[in-house]
Amino acid sequence: MADEIKTDVAAEDEEFSAAAPPDPDAPGTGETSFADAEAPPAGPPKPREDEAAKYLELAKRTQADFENYRKRTAREYAAAAERGAAKLAKELLPAIDHLELALKAAHTQPTSSAGTGGHEDVIKGFALVRDELLAALAKSGIQAFSPAGEPFDPNEHEAMAQQPAEDAESGTVLEVYQQGFRINGQILRPARVVVAQ
């Protein structure tokens, strides 16, 4: 019996010997065939796929955050530019008002017959300066408005006085003391008006 065990062990040693060449007809030897390969089990995704999806989601979120940041800064820049234009306009409006008053006074004052005619040239010069200032403000989105004859609107007009009027409805603007100004549709300064009673 000891001889039988030795022969079985010897046969096993010969069969799995490192020096023995593989049998070419044995399964799994020779060239690899993909027909024999098994597909991986369809289970949860592998850790690499999870990590790739995580980084893709992070990249999308970062791109969306950057786009939101870009839009927000563009809005803030536009608002800051509008505030700067409004501040400058508020500083210039009294000068424009004084030009208007000077022109009204010059038109109501009679010219002297002994004058050299320079008075009209000064008036034209004031009018040109006023028009250039208003044009410069208009380029910045600032528009003057004069609501004479319109219904009184407390959002756009400031009532300085009420006056009885036979030819106008109650609540109608009769006279404009000081014209109003808008910047991009919003009231920069309300028009100061006289309203019909």
C-alpha atoms as a PDB file:
ATOM      1  CA  MET A   1       0.000   0.000   0.000  1.00  0.00           C
ATOM      2  CA  ALA A   2       2.872   2.291   0.661  1.00  0.00           C
ATOM      3  CA  ASP A   3       3.971   1.663  -2.898  1.00  0.00           C
ATOM      4  CA  GLU A   4       0.580   2.769  -4.229  1.00  0.00           C
ATOM      5  CA  ILE A   5       0.670   6.029  -2.302  1.00  0.00           C
ATOM      6  CA  LYS A   6       4.169   6.757  -3.581  1.00  0.00           C
ATOM      7  CA  THR A   7       3.143   6.181  -7.191  1.00  0.00           C
ATOM      8  CA  ASP A   8       0.075   8.445  -6.805  1.00  0.00           C
ATOM      9  CA  VAL A   9       2.230  11.214  -5.333  1.00  0.00           C
ATOM     10  CA  ALA A  10       4.821  10.735  -8.076  1.00  0.00           C
ATOM     11  CA  ALA A  11       2.102  10.925 -10.742  1.00  0.00           C
ATOM     12  CA  GLU A  12       0.767  14.138  -9.178  1.00  0.00           C
ATOM     13  CA  ASP A  13       4.291  15.617  -9.098  1.00  0.00           C
ATOM     14  CA  GLU A  14       4.810  14.829 -12.767  1.00  0.00           C
ATOM     15  CA  GLU A  15       1.458  16.296 -13.713  1.00  0.00           C
ATOM     16  CA  PHE A  16       2.120  19.687 -11.992  1.00  0.00           C
ATOM     17  CA  SER A  17       5.807  19.965 -12.584  1.00  0.00           C
ATOM     18  CA  ALA A  18       7.112  23.425 -13.518  1.00  0.00           C
ATOM     19  CA  ALA A  19       9.425  21.890 -16.078  1.00  0.00           C
ATOM     20  CA  ALA A  20       6.667  20.062 -17.903  1.00  0.00           C
ATOM     21  CA  PRO A  21       5.350  21.898 -21.003  1.00  0.00           C
ATOM     22  CA  PRO A  22       1.602  22.582 -21.075  1.00  0.00           C
ATOM     23  CA  ASP A  23      -0.615  20.255 -23.019  1.00  0.00           C
ATOM     24  CA  PRO A  24      -1.771  22.184 -26.159  1.00  0.00           C
ATOM     25  CA  ASP A  25      -5.151  20.406 -26.139  1.00  0.00           C
ATOM     26  CA  ALA A  26      -5.895  21.266 -22.517  1.00  0.00           C
ATOM     27  CA  PRO A  27      -8.561  23.993 -21.936  1.00  0.00           C
ATOM     28  CA  GLY A  28      -7.213  27.442 -21.068  1.00  0.00           C
ATOM     29  CA  THR A  29      -3.906  27.062 -22.936  1.00  0.00           C
ATOM     30  CA  GLY A  30      -2.739  28.708 -26.129  1.00  0.00           C
ATOM     31  CA  GLU A  31      -4.241  31.986 -27.386  1.00  0.00           C
ATOM     32  CA  THR A  32      -6.868  33.761 -25.326  1.00  0.00           C
ATOM     33  CA  SER A  33     -10.397  33.667 -26.636  1.00  0.00           C
ATOM     34  CA  PHE A  34     -12.899  36.294 -25.510  1.00  0.00           C
ATOM     35  CA  ALA A  35     -15.693  33.821 -26.061  1.00  0.00           C
ATOM     36  CA  ASP A  36     -14.524  31.988 -22.963  1.00  0.00           C
ATOM     37  CA  ALA A  37     -14.372  35.203 -20.876  1.00  0.00           C
ATOM     38  CA  GLU A  38     -17.106  35.879 -18.407  1.00  0.00           C
ATOM     39  CA  ALA A  39     -18.807  39.278 -18.237  1.00  0.00           C
ATOM     40  CA  PRO A  40     -18.394  41.099 -14.923  1.00  0.00           C
ATOM     41  CA  PRO A  41     -21.417  40.891 -12.689  1.00  0.00           C
ATOM     42  CA  ALA A  42     -23.931  43.754 -13.169  1.00  0.00           C
ATOM     43  CA  GLY A  43     -23.872  45.071  -9.645  1.00  0.00           C
ATOM     44  CA  PRO A  44     -23.034  48.386  -8.034  1.00  0.00           C
ATOM     45  CA  PRO A  45     -20.531  50.538  -9.989  1.00  0.00           C
ATOM     46  CA  LYS A  46     -16.893  50.139  -9.271  1.00  0.00           C
ATOM     47  CA  PRO A  47     -15.142  52.687  -7.072  1.00  0.00           C
ATOM     48  CA  ARG A  48     -13.400  54.252 -10.099  1.00  0.00           C
ATOM     49  CA  GLU A  49     -16.739  54.921 -11.815  1.00  0.00           C
ATOM     50  CA  ASP A  50     -18.091  56.461  -8.582  1.00  0.00           C
ATOM     51  CA  GLU A  51     -15.064  58.712  -8.323  1.00  0.00           C
ATOM     52  CA  ALA A  52     -15.313  59.793 -11.973  1.00  0.00           C
ATOM     53  CA  ALA A  53     -19.018  60.614 -11.568  1.00  0.00           C
ATOM     54  CA  LYS A  54     -18.233  62.551  -8.389  1.00  0.00           C
ATOM     55  CA  TYR A  55     -15.564  64.658 -10.130  1.00  0.00           C
ATOM     56  CA  LEU A  56     -17.813  65.238 -13.152  1.00  0.00           C
ATOM     57  CA  GLU A  57     -20.590  66.496 -10.859  1.00  0.00           C
ATOM     58  CA  LEU A  58     -18.076  68.711  -9.032  1.00  0.00           C
ATOM     59  CA  ALA A  59     -16.867  70.158 -12.350  1.00  0.00           C
ATOM     60  CA  LYS A  60     -20.452  70.886 -13.460  1.00  0.00           C
ATOM     61  CA  ARG A  61     -21.264  72.547 -10.140  1.00  0.00           C
ATOM     62  CA  THR A  62     -18.082  74.644 -10.278  1.00  0.00           C
ATOM     63  CA  GLN A  63     -18.877  75.734 -13.829  1.00  0.00           C
ATOM     64  CA  ALA A  64     -22.415  76.760 -12.792  1.00  0.00           C
ATOM     65  CA  ASP A  65     -21.047  78.654  -9.780  1.00  0.00           C
ATOM     66  CA  PHE A  66     -18.603  80.520 -12.002  1.00  0.00           C
ATOM     67  CA  GLU A  67     -21.352  81.417 -14.487  1.00  0.00           C
ATOM     68  CA  ASN A  68     -23.521  82.735 -11.627  1.00  0.00           C
ATOM     69  CA  TYR A  69     -20.543  84.725 -10.308  1.00  0.00           C
ATOM     70  CA  ARG A  70     -19.926  86.235 -13.763  1.00  0.00           C
ATOM     71  CA  LYS A  71     -23.581  87.285 -14.118  1.00  0.00           C
ATOM     72  CA  ARG A  72     -23.687  88.699 -10.584  1.00  0.00           C
ATOM     73  CA  THR A  73     -20.543  90.787 -11.100  1.00  0.00           C
ATOM     74  CA  ALA A  74     -21.900  92.105 -14.420  1.00  0.00           C
ATOM     75  CA  ARG A  75     -25.117  93.187 -12.649  1.00  0.00           C
ATOM     76  CA  GLU A  76     -23.153  94.775  -9.810  1.00  0.00           C
ATOM     77  CA  TYR A  77     -20.902  96.602 -12.285  1.00  0.00           C
ATOM     78  CA  ALA A  78     -23.917  97.976 -14.181  1.00  0.00           C
ATOM     79  CA  ALA A  79     -25.578  99.059 -10.928  1.00  0.00           C
ATOM     80  CA  ALA A  80     -22.382 100.771  -9.756  1.00  0.00           C
ATOM     81  CA  ALA A  81     -22.041 102.602 -13.085  1.00  0.00           C
ATOM     82  CA  GLU A  82     -25.685 103.723 -12.837  1.00  0.00           C
ATOM     83  CA  ARG A  83     -25.161 104.940  -9.260  1.00  0.00           C
ATOM     84  CA  GLY A  84     -22.092 106.895 -10.390  1.00  0.00           C
ATOM     85  CA  ALA A  85     -24.003 108.506 -13.271  1.00  0.00           C
ATOM     86  CA  ALA A  86     -26.885 109.362 -10.933  1.00  0.00           C
ATOM     87  CA  LYS A  87     -24.524 110.949  -8.418  1.00  0.00           C
ATOM     88  CA  LEU A  88     -22.880 113.071 -11.113  1.00  0.00           C
ATOM     89  CA  ALA A  89     -26.260 114.055 -12.541  1.00  0.00           C
ATOM     90  CA  LYS A  90     -27.528 115.150  -9.115  1.00  0.00           C
ATOM     91  CA  GLU A  91     -24.498 117.429  -8.867  1.00  0.00           C
ATOM     92  CA  LEU A  92     -25.125 118.895 -12.350  1.00  0.00           C
ATOM     93  CA  LEU A  93     -28.888 119.404 -12.062  1.00  0.00           C
ATOM     94  CA  PRO A  94     -28.672 122.649 -10.031  1.00  0.00           C
ATOM     95  CA  ALA A  95     -26.399 124.151 -12.708  1.00  0.00           C
ATOM     96  CA  ILE A  96     -28.908 123.188 -15.397  1.00  0.00           C
ATOM     97  CA  ASP A  97     -31.717 124.689 -13.313  1.00  0.00           C
ATOM     98  CA  HIS A  98     -29.795 127.953 -12.980  1.00  0.00           C
ATOM     99  CA  LEU A  99     -29.223 128.049 -16.736  1.00  0.00           C
ATOM    100  CA  GLU A 100     -32.967 127.572 -17.250  1.00  0.00           C
ATOM    101  CA  LEU A 101     -33.735 130.421 -14.833  1.00  0.00           C
ATOM    102  CA  ALA A 102     -31.205 132.695 -16.533  1.00  0.00           C
ATOM    103  CA  LEU A 103     -32.748 131.970 -19.935  1.00  0.00           C
ATOM    104  CA  LYS A 104     -36.262 132.659 -18.647  1.00  0.00           C
ATOM    105  CA  ALA A 105     -35.120 135.922 -17.074  1.00  0.00           C
ATOM    106  CA  ALA A 106     -33.312 136.977 -20.241  1.00  0.00           C
ATOM    107  CA  HIS A 107     -36.403 136.317 -22.369  1.00  0.00           C
ATOM    108  CA  THR A 108     -38.692 138.310 -20.067  1.00  0.00           C
ATOM    109  CA  GLN A 109     -36.366 141.304 -19.707  1.00  0.00           C
ATOM    110  CA  PRO A 110     -36.750 143.893 -22.493  1.00  0.00           C
ATOM    111  CA  THR A 111     -33.675 144.650 -24.556  1.00  0.00           C
ATOM    112  CA  SER A 112     -32.418 148.202 -24.554  1.00  0.00           C
ATOM    113  CA  SER A 113     -32.538 150.125 -27.812  1.00  0.00           C
ATOM    114  CA  ALA A 114     -29.021 151.440 -27.230  1.00  0.00           C
ATOM    115  CA  GLY A 115     -27.607 147.908 -26.868  1.00  0.00           C
ATOM    116  CA  THR A 116     -25.216 146.463 -29.387  1.00  0.00           C
ATOM    117  CA  GLY A 117     -27.211 143.264 -29.876  1.00  0.00           C
ATOM    118  CA  GLY A 118     -24.814 141.165 -27.775  1.00  0.00           C
ATOM    119  CA  HIS A 119     -27.632 140.325 -25.383  1.00  0.00           C
ATOM    120  CA  GLU A 120     -29.200 137.861 -27.833  1.00  0.00           C
ATOM    121  CA  ASP A 121     -25.834 136.212 -28.410  1.00  0.00           C
ATOM    122  CA  VAL A 122     -25.418 135.625 -24.669  1.00  0.00           C
ATOM    123  CA  ILE A 123     -28.874 134.084 -24.509  1.00  0.00           C
ATOM    124  CA  LYS A 124     -28.046 131.804 -27.446  1.00  0.00           C
ATOM    125  CA  GLY A 125     -24.792 130.829 -25.729  1.00  0.00           C
ATOM    126  CA  PHE A 126     -26.631 129.917 -22.514  1.00  0.00           C
ATOM    127  CA  ALA A 127     -29.147 127.896 -24.517  1.00  0.00           C
ATOM    128  CA  LEU A 128     -26.349 126.020 -26.296  1.00  0.00           C
ATOM    129  CA  VAL A 129     -24.621 125.197 -22.991  1.00  0.00           C
ATOM    130  CA  ARG A 130     -27.916 123.963 -21.526  1.00  0.00           C
ATOM    131  CA  ASP A 131     -28.617 121.823 -24.615  1.00  0.00           C
ATOM    132  CA  GLU A 132     -25.125 120.307 -24.546  1.00  0.00           C
ATOM    133  CA  LEU A 133     -25.447 119.424 -20.869  1.00  0.00           C
ATOM    134  CA  LEU A 134     -28.831 117.794 -21.458  1.00  0.00           C
ATOM    135  CA  ALA A 135     -27.429 115.869 -24.449  1.00  0.00           C
ATOM    136  CA  ALA A 136     -24.486 114.635 -22.359  1.00  0.00           C
ATOM    137  CA  LEU A 137     -26.879 113.484 -19.643  1.00  0.00           C
ATOM    138  CA  ALA A 138     -29.063 111.765 -22.261  1.00  0.00           C
ATOM    139  CA  LYS A 139     -26.042 109.760 -23.459  1.00  0.00           C
ATOM    140  CA  SER A 140     -25.745 108.429 -19.905  1.00  0.00           C
ATOM    141  CA  GLY A 141     -29.414 107.392 -19.841  1.00  0.00           C
ATOM    142  CA  ILE A 142     -30.661 110.485 -17.992  1.00  0.00           C
ATOM    143  CA  GLN A 143     -33.737 112.118 -19.530  1.00  0.00           C
ATOM    144  CA  ALA A 144     -35.490 115.338 -18.531  1.00  0.00           C
ATOM    145  CA  PHE A 145     -39.289 115.408 -18.394  1.00  0.00           C
ATOM    146  CA  SER A 146     -41.753 118.241 -18.060  1.00  0.00           C
ATOM    147  CA  PRO A 147     -45.284 117.018 -17.208  1.00  0.00           C
ATOM    148  CA  ALA A 148     -47.311 120.156 -18.030  1.00  0.00           C
ATOM    149  CA  GLY A 149     -50.924 119.193 -18.808  1.00  0.00           C
ATOM    150  CA  GLU A 150     -50.547 115.631 -17.501  1.00  0.00           C
ATOM    151  CA  PRO A 151     -52.429 114.208 -14.500  1.00  0.00           C
ATOM    152  CA  PHE A 152     -50.557 114.656 -11.227  1.00  0.00           C
ATOM    153  CA  ASP A 153     -48.612 111.528 -10.200  1.00  0.00           C
ATOM    154  CA  PRO A 154     -47.055 111.654  -6.704  1.00  0.00           C
ATOM    155  CA  ASN A 155     -44.476 109.057  -7.765  1.00  0.00           C
ATOM    156  CA  GLU A 156     -43.079 111.372 -10.460  1.00  0.00           C
ATOM    157  CA  HIS A 157     -44.180 114.877  -9.401  1.00  0.00           C
ATOM    158  CA  GLU A 158     -43.716 117.037  -6.338  1.00  0.00           C
ATOM    159  CA  ALA A 159     -46.615 119.445  -5.787  1.00  0.00           C
ATOM    160  CA  MET A 160     -45.325 122.872  -4.834  1.00  0.00           C
ATOM    161  CA  ALA A 161     -48.734 124.583  -4.850  1.00  0.00           C
ATOM    162  CA  GLN A 162     -52.384 124.159  -5.829  1.00  0.00           C
ATOM    163  CA  GLN A 163     -54.136 126.729  -7.922  1.00  0.00           C
ATOM    164  CA  PRO A 164     -57.739 127.058  -9.073  1.00  0.00           C
ATOM    165  CA  ALA A 165     -58.072 126.761 -12.832  1.00  0.00           C
ATOM    166  CA  GLU A 166     -61.210 126.998 -14.929  1.00  0.00           C
ATOM    167  CA  ASP A 167     -59.791 125.470 -18.098  1.00  0.00           C
ATOM    168  CA  ALA A 168     -58.118 122.407 -16.464  1.00  0.00           C
ATOM    169  CA  GLU A 169     -59.429 119.394 -14.591  1.00  0.00           C
ATOM    170  CA  SER A 170     -58.681 119.013 -10.908  1.00  0.00           C
ATOM    171  CA  GLY A 171     -55.422 117.137 -10.352  1.00  0.00           C
ATOM    172  CA  THR A 172     -53.842 118.259 -13.635  1.00  0.00           C
ATOM    173  CA  VAL A 173     -50.366 119.792 -13.716  1.00  0.00           C
ATOM    174  CA  LEU A 174     -50.750 123.474 -14.634  1.00  0.00           C
ATOM    175  CA  GLU A 175     -47.178 124.687 -14.480  1.00  0.00           C
ATOM    176  CA  VAL A 176     -43.745 123.124 -14.069  1.00  0.00           C
ATOM    177  CA  TYR A 177     -41.432 125.025 -11.709  1.00  0.00           C
ATOM    178  CA  GLN A 178     -38.540 122.607 -12.165  1.00  0.00           C
ATOM    179  CA  GLN A 179     -38.374 119.783 -14.682  1.00  0.00           C
ATOM    180  CA  GLY A 180     -37.849 116.252 -13.448  1.00  0.00           C
ATOM    181  CA  PHE A 181     -35.204 113.736 -14.489  1.00  0.00           C
ATOM    182  CA  ARG A 182     -35.248 109.977 -15.013  1.00  0.00           C
ATOM    183  CA  ILE A 183     -32.313 107.611 -15.197  1.00  0.00           C
ATOM    184  CA  ASN A 184     -33.058 104.437 -17.162  1.00  0.00           C
ATOM    185  CA  GLY A 185     -36.780 104.754 -16.401  1.00  0.00           C
ATOM    186  CA  GLN A 186     -36.395 105.424 -12.657  1.00  0.00           C
ATOM    187  CA  ILE A 187     -37.025 108.829 -11.101  1.00  0.00           C
ATOM    188  CA  LEU A 188     -33.798 110.657 -10.336  1.00  0.00           C
ATOM    189  CA  ARG A 189     -35.545 113.871  -9.331  1.00  0.00           C
ATOM    190  CA  PRO A 190     -39.317 114.483  -9.361  1.00  0.00           C
ATOM    191  CA  ALA A 191     -40.686 117.420 -11.325  1.00  0.00           C
ATOM    192  CA  ARG A 192     -41.803 120.325  -9.112  1.00  0.00           C
ATOM    193  CA  VAL A 193     -45.218 121.401 -10.288  1.00  0.00           C
ATOM    194  CA  VAL A 194     -48.334 123.497  -9.641  1.00  0.00           C
ATOM    195  CA  VAL A 195     -51.485 121.372  -9.619  1.00  0.00           C
ATOM    196  CA  ALA A 196     -55.031 122.463 -10.519  1.00  0.00           C
ATOM    197  CA  GLN A 197     -57.568 122.421  -7.677  1.00  0.00           C
END
